[in-house]
């Protein structure tokens, strides 16, 4: 016997479908919060790694030019080698999943780019398995004391 104003047989199970849709949306939202925060942290780390490697390379002064002319310029070969050495020594090399690029930028600077890829924690449930962040830095050689004069 059916009560007046009661549910139709066609409405049965609709709450289950609605809860399933809300559950999927909730998982996606949690993934955005958790993995999004991890991506921001990863991007910050990629920038920090690139900055440190660039600083390591920018300190490589061409000694023969400095002694003969008094000009301090970066030795391009030593700068690139020092940046690569910093990356490898600290585990930021291709063997550990990092993709790096090191190059000189003129005679007074070195540019380092680091790309980091990692696995997602929650978003892999909906098919997003990896996230990639790239950090870049340029370090310039500055000699002497800089700042306002007296």
Protein backbone atom coordinates (compact mmCIF):
# COMPACT_ATOMS: atom_id res chain seq x y z
CA UNK A 1 0.00 0.00 0.00
CA UNK A 2 1.28 3.40 -0.93
CA UNK A 3 0.94 6.50 1.22
CA UNK A 4 -0.13 9.76 -0.43
CA UNK A 5 2.81 12.09 -0.99
CA UNK A 6 5.36 9.29 -0.52
CA UNK A 7 8.34 8.66 -2.77
CA UNK A 8 7.82 7.35 -6.24
CA UNK A 9 9.49 4.14 -7.21
CA UNK A 10 11.45 6.18 -9.78
CA UNK A 11 13.16 8.18 -7.00
CA UNK A 12 14.61 5.18 -5.20
CA UNK A 13 18.43 5.23 -5.10
CA UNK A 14 18.75 8.88 -6.13
CA UNK A 15 20.27 9.82 -2.75
CA UNK A 16 23.00 7.22 -3.33
CA UNK A 17 23.87 8.74 -6.69
CA UNK A 18 23.97 12.21 -5.17
CA UNK A 19 26.25 11.03 -2.33
CA UNK A 20 28.56 9.36 -4.84
CA UNK A 21 28.85 12.60 -6.83
CA UNK A 22 29.53 14.59 -3.67
CA UNK A 23 32.15 12.05 -2.55
CA UNK A 24 34.03 12.38 -5.86
CA UNK A 25 33.91 16.18 -5.57
CA UNK A 26 35.16 15.99 -1.99
CA UNK A 27 38.09 13.75 -2.99
CA UNK A 28 39.00 16.15 -5.82
CA UNK A 29 38.87 19.10 -3.42
CA UNK A 30 41.06 17.28 -0.90
CA UNK A 31 43.50 16.49 -3.71
CA UNK A 32 43.68 20.13 -4.72
CA UNK A 33 44.41 21.18 -1.13
CA UNK A 34 46.95 18.44 -0.31
CA UNK A 35 48.71 18.10 -3.66
CA UNK A 36 48.37 21.83 -4.40
CA UNK A 37 50.23 22.61 -1.18
CA UNK A 38 52.88 20.05 -2.08
CA UNK A 39 53.25 21.66 -5.53
CA UNK A 40 53.79 25.10 -3.99
CA UNK A 41 56.44 23.65 -1.69
CA UNK A 42 58.06 21.84 -4.62
CA UNK A 43 58.19 25.06 -6.67
CA UNK A 44 59.79 26.91 -3.77
CA UNK A 45 62.39 24.15 -3.40
CA UNK A 46 63.16 24.19 -7.14
CA UNK A 47 63.83 27.94 -6.96
CA UNK A 48 66.03 27.55 -3.88
CA UNK A 49 68.07 24.77 -5.50
CA UNK A 50 68.57 26.86 -8.66
CA UNK A 51 69.62 29.90 -6.61
CA UNK A 52 72.22 27.97 -4.62
CA UNK A 53 73.69 26.32 -7.72
CA UNK A 54 73.88 29.69 -9.48
CA UNK A 55 75.64 31.22 -6.47
CA UNK A 56 78.13 28.35 -6.46
CA UNK A 57 78.93 29.01 -10.12
CA UNK A 58 79.04 32.81 -9.87
CA UNK A 59 81.90 32.63 -7.41
CA UNK A 60 84.28 31.16 -9.97
CA UNK A 61 86.39 34.17 -10.92
CA UNK A 62 88.78 33.99 -13.86
CA UNK A 63 91.98 34.38 -11.83
CA UNK A 64 94.34 35.13 -14.71
CA UNK A 65 92.17 38.06 -15.88
CA UNK A 66 91.83 39.32 -12.31
CA UNK A 67 95.58 39.28 -11.75
CA UNK A 68 96.57 40.81 -15.09
CA UNK A 69 93.91 43.47 -15.59
CA UNK A 70 92.22 43.81 -12.21
CA UNK A 71 88.85 42.96 -13.76
CA UNK A 72 86.77 40.30 -12.05
CA UNK A 73 84.81 38.19 -14.50
CA UNK A 74 83.32 34.74 -14.15
CA UNK A 75 85.30 31.92 -15.73
CA UNK A 76 82.50 30.35 -17.79
CA UNK A 77 83.87 26.81 -17.76
CA UNK A 78 84.59 26.83 -14.04
CA UNK A 79 81.22 28.43 -13.28
CA UNK A 80 79.26 25.81 -15.17
CA UNK A 81 81.35 23.02 -13.64
CA UNK A 82 80.85 24.42 -10.11
CA UNK A 83 77.08 24.67 -10.57
CA UNK A 84 76.88 21.09 -11.88
CA UNK A 85 79.09 19.94 -9.01
CA UNK A 86 76.80 21.63 -6.47
CA UNK A 87 73.74 19.96 -8.00
CA UNK A 88 75.34 16.50 -8.07
CA UNK A 89 76.93 16.79 -4.60
CA UNK A 90 73.56 17.63 -3.03
CA UNK A 91 71.56 14.98 -4.91
CA UNK A 92 69.86 17.35 -7.37
CA UNK A 93 70.98 15.55 -10.49
CA UNK A 94 69.22 13.59 -13.22
CA UNK A 95 69.88 10.30 -11.43
CA UNK A 96 67.55 11.50 -8.66
CA UNK A 97 64.76 12.71 -10.95
CA UNK A 98 65.83 16.32 -11.42
CA UNK A 99 66.22 17.91 -14.84
CA UNK A 100 68.82 20.65 -14.76
CA UNK A 101 70.22 23.23 -17.14
CA UNK A 102 73.29 25.34 -16.45
CA UNK A 103 74.58 28.07 -18.75
CA UNK A 104 76.45 31.35 -18.62
CA UNK A 105 74.60 34.61 -19.10
CA UNK A 106 77.20 37.04 -20.39
CA UNK A 107 80.61 37.37 -18.78
CA UNK A 108 79.36 38.29 -15.31
CA UNK A 109 76.48 35.86 -14.67
CA UNK A 110 75.41 32.24 -14.60
CA UNK A 111 71.88 30.90 -15.08
CA UNK A 112 70.61 27.64 -13.57
CA UNK A 113 67.23 26.02 -14.24
CA UNK A 114 65.97 23.06 -12.19
CA UNK A 115 62.86 21.04 -12.97
CA UNK A 116 61.45 18.79 -10.27
CA UNK A 117 58.83 16.08 -10.90
CA UNK A 118 57.12 14.16 -8.12
CA UNK A 119 54.18 11.82 -7.61
CA UNK A 120 50.84 13.13 -6.40
CA UNK A 121 49.30 11.75 -3.22
CA UNK A 122 45.56 12.23 -3.66
CA UNK A 123 45.03 13.44 -7.23
CA UNK A 124 46.29 10.10 -8.56
CA UNK A 125 42.83 8.79 -7.71
CA UNK A 126 41.39 10.90 -10.53
CA UNK A 127 44.25 10.23 -12.95
CA UNK A 128 46.72 13.05 -12.21
CA UNK A 129 49.83 11.07 -11.30
CA UNK A 130 52.67 13.61 -11.50
CA UNK A 131 53.31 17.27 -10.87
CA UNK A 132 56.22 19.28 -12.24
CA UNK A 133 57.76 22.52 -11.00
CA UNK A 134 60.56 24.56 -12.52
CA UNK A 135 62.81 27.01 -10.73
CA UNK A 136 65.35 29.30 -12.33
CA UNK A 137 67.95 31.69 -11.00
CA UNK A 138 70.64 33.96 -12.34
CA UNK A 139 73.55 34.96 -10.13
CA UNK A 140 75.81 37.86 -10.99
CA UNK A 141 79.33 38.46 -9.80
CA UNK A 142 79.54 41.70 -7.84
CA UNK A 143 82.89 42.92 -6.59
CA UNK A 144 83.61 45.52 -3.98
CA UNK A 145 81.22 47.12 -1.57
CA UNK A 146 77.91 48.33 -2.91
CA UNK A 147 75.46 50.66 -1.27
CA UNK A 148 74.95 54.34 -0.58
CA UNK A 149 78.05 56.50 -0.41
CA UNK A 150 79.00 58.73 2.49
